[in-house]
Amino acid sequence: METMKEVIFEKTGLPEDVLQVKDSPRPEPKPHEVQLEVKARNINPSDLLFIQGQYGVQPDLPSSAGFEAAGIVSIADKEGKFPVGTRVMFTAQGTTMGTWREYITLSTKQVFPMPEGMSFEVACQAFVNPVTAVALINKSGLKAGEWLLLTAGASAFGKFALQVAKSKGIKVVCTVRHDEQKKYLADLGADLVINTEKEELKKIVSDVVGDGVSAVFDAVGGELGAMALACIRQFGKMYVFGVLSLQNMPLNTGMIIFKEVTIEGFWLSSILQRIGSEERAKLYRETQTFLMGDDTKAEVAGKFPLVEVKSAIEAYNRPGRNGKILLIS
């Protein structure tokens, strides 16, 4: 029996404490599945929350990790939809397997051919953050000239959302915690970048924007989420899709009432299950077109072999990082 390396955890906890690399049998595909040789894997906040037992779905222990990746078909499905050698990108959300392994089997419905010219390094980032960015911009209904506030602007999602927004003429405020990230985001197109460790978010937004932003995309929660909420204009909306602070957001009830502000949760996995196949395909096409644009940047800060997953996590946790950390084979 052929074996493979995979990253697993037998209990939930901090990734650096609970992750381990082990040899396991390669999974064999069912008739409607393909076997994939995984080439590149993206480390996302959702992956780390899942390992800690703090995500929207709980792991079935012992569990592997990783929600998105890119690779090559190593065993085709019985119908031949994906021949051996096809370069594909895929997500493992909603399955019992993670992508932090050398081989994985998935339904053909979860596998998408990579656009010609796209690298594995970009393809493994093509789902969670860019699809969320495109879907949220579309859902917000923001028009050219209106203002959007992004918390954690230097995150992978923040940079994708910034670029999607700018392509539509939307003005963007980003929050950061490190001064070196200010110029980086300004060069990427941000109209205003605020270091919330040193500067007063609401005052600066009021001085520059006036009545406030039309929408907030919040990835952080906690006190920063509350500060961002205070920057919204009347009838504005906040979309909450992450909780990087691991803290609940304290809400100013009076402000929500008198400004008639709407706060709405956004979970991509749930939304993709609810929408029809045509709408889902349209969203993926729009995202791929954005990713293949000449001006689009999907930067990588570091690449690590799968067996060095703990070094990759250490690099991921480094303050002020610009770019994704990938696990490659």
Protein backbone atom coordinates (compact mmCIF):
# COMPACT_ATOMS: atom_id res chain seq x y z
CA MET A 1 0.00 0.00 0.00
CA GLU A 2 1.38 3.40 -1.00
CA THR A 3 1.75 5.93 1.78
CA MET A 4 1.86 9.70 2.10
CA LYS A 5 2.74 12.42 4.58
CA GLU A 6 -0.10 14.30 6.25
CA VAL A 7 -0.51 16.84 9.04
CA ILE A 8 -2.99 15.80 11.73
CA PHE A 9 -4.05 16.77 15.23
CA GLU A 10 -5.50 14.39 17.82
CA LYS A 11 -6.83 17.13 20.09
CA THR A 12 -7.75 20.77 19.58
CA GLY A 13 -5.35 23.48 20.73
CA LEU A 14 -2.70 25.87 19.50
CA PRO A 15 -1.39 24.62 16.14
CA GLU A 16 2.23 24.76 17.27
CA ASP A 17 1.34 22.44 20.16
CA VAL A 18 -1.01 19.90 18.60
CA LEU A 19 0.00 19.47 14.94
CA GLN A 20 2.04 16.42 13.98
CA VAL A 21 3.28 14.91 10.72
CA LYS A 22 2.63 11.22 10.15
CA ASP A 23 2.71 8.58 7.41
CA SER A 24 -0.72 7.38 6.28
CA PRO A 25 -2.15 5.27 3.43
CA ARG A 26 -2.99 7.26 0.31
CA PRO A 27 -6.78 7.61 0.01
CA GLU A 28 -8.45 5.72 -2.84
CA PRO A 29 -11.13 7.61 -4.81
CA LYS A 30 -14.75 6.49 -5.18
CA PRO A 31 -16.23 6.46 -8.72
CA HIS A 32 -17.41 10.10 -8.51
CA GLU A 33 -14.12 11.27 -6.97
CA VAL A 34 -10.62 12.09 -8.13
CA GLN A 35 -7.36 11.52 -6.32
CA LEU A 36 -5.25 14.67 -6.24
CA GLU A 37 -1.55 15.16 -5.63
CA VAL A 38 -1.48 18.37 -3.60
CA LYS A 39 1.17 20.86 -4.72
CA ALA A 40 0.45 24.05 -2.72
CA ARG A 41 -1.66 24.83 0.34
CA ASN A 42 -2.67 28.19 1.75
CA ILE A 43 -2.67 28.86 5.51
CA ASN A 44 -5.78 30.87 6.47
CA PRO A 45 -7.10 32.10 9.83
CA SER A 46 -10.01 29.68 9.40
CA ASP A 47 -7.55 26.76 9.30
CA LEU A 48 -6.01 27.78 12.62
CA LEU A 49 -9.41 28.40 14.25
CA PHE A 50 -10.50 24.93 13.10
CA ILE A 51 -7.42 23.37 14.73
CA GLN A 52 -8.27 25.22 17.95
CA GLY A 53 -11.91 24.07 17.87
CA GLN A 54 -13.14 27.65 17.44
CA TYR A 55 -14.50 27.47 13.89
CA GLY A 56 -18.11 27.10 12.70
CA VAL A 57 -17.63 23.34 12.20
CA GLN A 58 -15.87 21.10 14.67
CA PRO A 59 -13.12 18.59 13.74
CA ASP A 60 -13.80 14.86 13.93
CA LEU A 61 -10.68 13.85 15.86
CA PRO A 62 -8.12 12.79 14.90
CA SER A 63 -8.35 15.27 12.04
CA SER A 64 -6.29 16.71 9.25
CA ALA A 65 -6.31 20.44 8.53
CA GLY A 66 -6.42 22.87 5.65
CA PHE A 67 -9.38 24.20 3.66
CA GLU A 68 -7.96 25.13 0.24
CA ALA A 69 -5.15 24.04 -2.08
CA ALA A 70 -4.08 23.36 -5.65
CA GLY A 71 -2.59 20.29 -7.29
CA ILE A 72 -2.66 17.71 -10.08
CA VAL A 73 -5.13 14.89 -10.75
CA SER A 74 -3.29 11.63 -9.99
CA ILE A 75 -6.25 9.24 -10.44
CA ALA A 76 -9.12 10.31 -12.70
CA ASP A 77 -12.81 9.91 -11.88
CA LYS A 78 -14.68 7.05 -13.61
CA GLU A 79 -16.49 9.43 -16.01
CA GLY A 80 -13.22 11.04 -17.05
CA LYS A 81 -14.26 14.62 -16.26
CA PHE A 82 -10.78 15.28 -14.87
CA PRO A 83 -8.06 13.28 -16.69
CA VAL A 84 -4.76 12.43 -14.99
CA GLY A 85 -2.42 15.41 -15.11
CA THR A 86 -5.14 18.08 -15.00
CA ARG A 87 -4.04 21.08 -12.93
CA VAL A 88 -6.81 21.93 -10.47
CA MET A 89 -7.69 24.08 -7.49
CA PHE A 90 -10.07 22.93 -4.78
CA THR A 91 -11.53 23.43 -1.34
CA ALA A 92 -11.95 20.76 1.33
CA GLN A 93 -14.45 22.67 3.49
CA GLY A 94 -17.31 20.41 4.49
CA THR A 95 -15.27 17.20 4.06
CA THR A 96 -13.60 14.85 6.53
CA MET A 97 -10.19 15.46 4.93
CA GLY A 98 -7.94 18.50 5.04
CA THR A 99 -5.55 19.70 2.35
CA TRP A 100 -2.42 19.56 4.54
CA ARG A 101 -1.52 16.16 3.10
CA GLU A 102 0.28 14.90 0.01
CA TYR A 103 -2.80 13.26 -1.53
CA ILE A 104 -6.53 13.84 -1.13
CA THR A 105 -9.70 12.45 -2.72
CA LEU A 106 -12.57 14.83 -3.50
CA SER A 107 -15.83 14.84 -5.38
CA THR A 108 -15.56 16.24 -8.90
CA LYS A 109 -18.02 18.96 -7.77
CA GLN A 110 -15.33 20.37 -5.46
CA VAL A 111 -12.57 20.50 -8.09
CA PHE A 112 -12.04 23.26 -10.64
CA PRO A 113 -9.54 23.41 -13.51
CA MET A 114 -6.89 26.08 -13.02
CA PRO A 115 -7.00 28.91 -15.58
CA GLU A 116 -4.19 28.71 -18.10
CA GLY A 117 -1.18 30.66 -16.87
CA MET A 118 -2.16 30.57 -13.18
CA SER A 119 0.52 29.24 -10.82
CA PHE A 120 -0.08 26.75 -8.01
CA GLU A 121 0.93 29.54 -5.59
CA VAL A 122 -1.96 31.74 -6.75
CA ALA A 123 -4.44 28.90 -7.35
CA CYS A 124 -4.16 27.68 -3.75
CA GLN A 125 -5.37 31.14 -2.65
CA ALA A 126 -8.24 31.26 -5.13
CA PHE A 127 -11.16 30.34 -2.89
CA VAL A 128 -11.44 31.55 0.68
CA ASN A 129 -10.18 35.13 0.49
CA PRO A 130 -10.76 36.31 -3.09
CA VAL A 131 -14.19 34.64 -3.39
CA THR A 132 -15.19 36.19 -0.05
CA ALA A 133 -13.90 39.58 -1.22
CA VAL A 134 -15.84 39.49 -4.50
CA ALA A 135 -18.99 38.11 -2.83
CA LEU A 136 -18.93 40.73 -0.06
CA ILE A 137 -18.34 43.65 -2.45
CA ASN A 138 -21.26 42.44 -4.56
CA LYS A 139 -23.49 41.89 -1.52
CA SER A 140 -22.71 45.35 -0.09
CA GLY A 141 -24.03 47.12 -3.19
CA LEU A 142 -21.35 49.79 -2.79
CA LYS A 143 -21.11 52.19 -5.70
CA ALA A 144 -18.20 54.18 -7.11
CA GLY A 145 -17.29 57.05 -4.82
CA GLU A 146 -18.71 55.47 -1.66
CA TRP A 147 -16.44 54.59 1.25
CA LEU A 148 -15.61 51.13 2.61
CA LEU A 149 -13.68 50.44 5.84
CA LEU A 150 -11.61 47.25 6.06
CA THR A 151 -10.31 46.10 9.43
CA ALA A 152 -7.06 44.09 9.21
CA GLY A 153 -6.40 45.77 5.88
CA ALA A 154 -3.01 44.08 5.43
CA SER A 155 -4.49 40.58 5.73
CA ALA A 156 -4.82 38.48 2.59
CA PHE A 157 -8.56 39.15 2.52
CA GLY A 158 -8.02 42.86 3.12
CA LYS A 159 -5.65 43.16 0.17
CA PHE A 160 -7.98 41.26 -2.15
CA ALA A 161 -11.02 43.28 -1.01
CA LEU A 162 -9.06 46.52 -1.45
CA GLN A 163 -8.15 45.59 -5.03
CA VAL A 164 -11.69 44.47 -5.92
CA ALA A 165 -13.14 47.67 -4.43
CA LYS A 166 -10.69 49.94 -6.26
CA SER A 167 -11.50 48.20 -9.57
CA LYS A 168 -15.09 49.38 -9.04
CA GLY A 169 -14.19 52.94 -8.02
CA ILE A 170 -15.00 52.44 -4.33
CA LYS A 171 -12.94 54.46 -1.84
CA VAL A 172 -11.24 52.40 0.86
CA VAL A 173 -10.08 52.97 4.45
CA CYS A 174 -7.82 50.27 5.91
CA THR A 175 -6.77 49.67 9.51
CA VAL A 176 -3.33 48.27 10.33
CA ARG A 177 -1.18 47.79 13.44
CA HIS A 178 2.26 48.40 11.94
CA ASP A 179 3.51 51.58 10.27
CA GLU A 180 5.37 49.68 7.54
CA GLN A 181 2.03 48.38 6.29
CA LYS A 182 0.70 51.90 5.64
CA LYS A 183 2.80 52.61 2.54
CA TYR A 184 2.27 49.06 1.29
CA LEU A 185 -1.53 49.46 1.29
CA ALA A 186 -1.38 53.02 -0.04
CA ASP A 187 0.67 51.74 -2.97
CA LEU A 188 -1.98 49.05 -3.48
CA GLY A 189 -4.64 51.74 -3.80
CA ALA A 190 -5.97 52.48 -0.31
CA ASP A 191 -7.27 56.03 0.03
CA LEU A 192 -6.66 56.15 3.79
CA VAL A 193 -4.62 53.83 6.04
CA ILE A 194 -4.83 54.19 9.82
CA ASN A 195 -2.56 52.56 12.40
CA THR A 196 -5.03 51.93 15.21
CA GLU A 197 -2.18 51.30 17.65
CA LYS A 198 -1.18 54.97 17.35
CA GLU A 199 -4.04 56.87 15.73
CA GLU A 200 -7.70 57.48 16.61
CA LEU A 201 -9.77 55.70 14.00
CA LYS A 202 -13.08 57.53 14.35
CA LYS A 203 -11.52 61.02 14.46
CA ILE A 204 -9.46 60.49 11.31
CA VAL A 205 -12.38 58.92 9.43
CA SER A 206 -14.61 61.86 10.48
CA ASP A 207 -12.00 64.38 9.37
CA VAL A 208 -11.47 62.77 5.97
CA VAL A 209 -14.77 61.07 5.12
CA GLY A 210 -17.23 63.36 6.91
CA ASP A 211 -20.49 61.56 7.71
CA GLY A 212 -18.78 58.18 7.83
CA VAL A 213 -18.26 55.11 5.68
CA SER A 214 -21.14 53.34 3.95
CA ALA A 215 -19.92 49.86 4.88
CA VAL A 216 -17.46 48.03 7.11
CA PHE A 217 -16.02 44.58 6.44
CA ASP A 218 -14.84 43.40 9.86
CA ALA A 219 -12.42 40.50 10.28
CA VAL A 220 -11.34 41.29 13.83
CA GLY A 221 -14.24 41.77 16.27
CA GLY A 222 -13.49 42.92 19.82
CA GLU A 223 -12.65 46.57 20.51
CA LEU A 224 -11.44 47.25 16.97
CA GLY A 225 -14.73 46.00 15.57
CA ALA A 226 -16.57 48.38 17.90
CA MET A 227 -14.36 51.30 16.80
CA ALA A 228 -15.03 50.46 13.17
CA LEU A 229 -18.77 50.30 13.82
CA ALA A 230 -18.63 53.84 15.22
CA CYS A 231 -17.31 55.03 11.82
CA ILE A 232 -20.44 54.03 9.88
CA ARG A 233 -22.77 56.69 8.49
CA GLN A 234 -26.55 56.59 8.91
CA PHE A 235 -28.19 53.54 7.28
CA GLY A 236 -24.73 51.99 6.81
CA LYS A 237 -23.91 48.29 7.12
CA MET A 238 -21.28 46.22 8.88
CA TYR A 239 -20.50 42.75 7.55
CA VAL A 240 -18.81 40.56 10.16
CA PHE A 241 -16.92 37.60 8.68
CA GLY A 242 -14.02 36.98 11.09
CA VAL A 243 -12.94 37.26 14.70
CA LEU A 244 -9.14 37.46 14.61
CA SER A 245 -9.12 39.04 18.08
CA LEU A 246 -11.02 36.02 19.48
CA GLN A 247 -13.06 38.62 21.39
CA ASN A 248 -16.74 39.48 21.12
CA MET A 249 -17.57 42.98 19.91
CA PRO A 250 -19.03 45.40 22.51
CA LEU A 251 -21.98 47.13 20.82
CA ASN A 252 -23.15 50.73 21.22
CA THR A 253 -26.88 50.04 21.20
CA GLY A 254 -27.88 53.71 21.04
CA MET A 255 -25.75 54.34 17.97
CA ILE A 256 -27.21 51.29 16.21
CA ILE A 257 -30.73 52.55 16.95
CA PHE A 258 -30.35 56.21 16.02
CA LYS A 259 -28.13 55.66 12.98
CA GLU A 260 -30.24 52.66 11.96
CA VAL A 261 -27.09 50.65 11.31
CA THR A 262 -27.32 47.03 10.16
CA ILE A 263 -24.87 44.36 11.38
CA GLU A 264 -24.84 41.16 9.34
CA GLY A 265 -22.82 37.97 9.60
CA PHE A 266 -21.15 36.46 6.53
CA TRP A 267 -19.91 32.85 6.29
CA LEU A 268 -18.78 31.85 2.81
CA SER A 269 -19.21 28.09 3.31
CA SER A 270 -22.87 28.49 4.24
CA ILE A 271 -23.56 30.95 1.42
CA LEU A 272 -22.00 28.70 -1.25
CA GLN A 273 -24.27 25.85 -0.12
CA ARG A 274 -27.39 28.04 -0.36
CA ILE A 275 -26.92 29.67 -3.76
CA GLY A 276 -27.64 27.88 -7.02
CA SER A 277 -25.01 26.31 -9.25
CA GLU A 278 -25.32 29.07 -11.88
CA GLU A 279 -24.85 31.84 -9.32
CA ARG A 280 -21.92 29.94 -7.78
CA ALA A 281 -20.28 29.48 -11.18
CA LYS A 282 -20.77 33.19 -11.95
CA LEU A 283 -19.08 34.11 -8.65
CA TYR A 284 -16.13 31.81 -9.39
CA ARG A 285 -15.77 33.21 -12.92
CA GLU A 286 -15.74 36.78 -11.63
CA THR A 287 -13.14 35.83 -9.00
CA GLN A 288 -10.91 34.06 -11.53
CA THR A 289 -11.11 37.03 -13.90
CA PHE A 290 -10.02 39.29 -11.04
CA LEU A 291 -7.16 36.98 -10.05
CA MET A 292 -5.86 36.79 -13.62
CA GLY A 293 -5.89 40.59 -14.03
CA ASP A 294 -2.55 42.18 -14.85
CA ASP A 295 -2.72 44.49 -11.82
CA THR A 296 -3.90 41.92 -9.27
CA LYS A 297 -1.38 40.98 -6.60
CA ALA A 298 -1.53 37.70 -4.64
CA GLU A 299 1.75 37.88 -2.80
CA VAL A 300 3.57 35.10 -0.97
CA ALA A 301 5.69 35.84 2.10
CA GLY A 302 7.08 32.34 2.57
CA LYS A 303 6.93 28.76 1.30
CA PHE A 304 7.60 25.72 3.50
CA PRO A 305 7.62 21.96 2.87
CA LEU A 306 4.63 20.17 4.38
CA VAL A 307 6.86 18.44 6.94
CA GLU A 308 7.97 21.86 8.25
CA VAL A 309 4.43 22.89 9.15
CA LYS A 310 5.42 24.24 12.58
CA SER A 311 8.02 26.55 11.03
CA ALA A 312 5.31 27.70 8.62
CA ILE A 313 2.97 28.48 11.53
CA GLU A 314 5.77 30.45 13.22
CA ALA A 315 6.24 32.50 10.03
CA TYR A 316 2.48 32.98 9.77
CA ASN A 317 2.37 34.44 13.31
CA ARG A 318 5.20 36.91 12.63
CA PRO A 319 3.95 40.51 13.15
CA GLY A 320 3.82 42.81 10.14
CA ARG A 321 3.92 39.99 7.58
CA ASN A 322 2.93 40.95 4.01
CA GLY A 323 1.86 37.98 1.90
CA LYS A 324 0.60 34.45 2.46
CA ILE A 325 2.46 31.53 3.99
CA LEU A 326 2.20 28.40 1.85
CA LEU A 327 2.85 24.70 2.43
CA ILE A 328 4.28 23.23 -0.77
CA SER A 329 5.19 19.81 -2.14
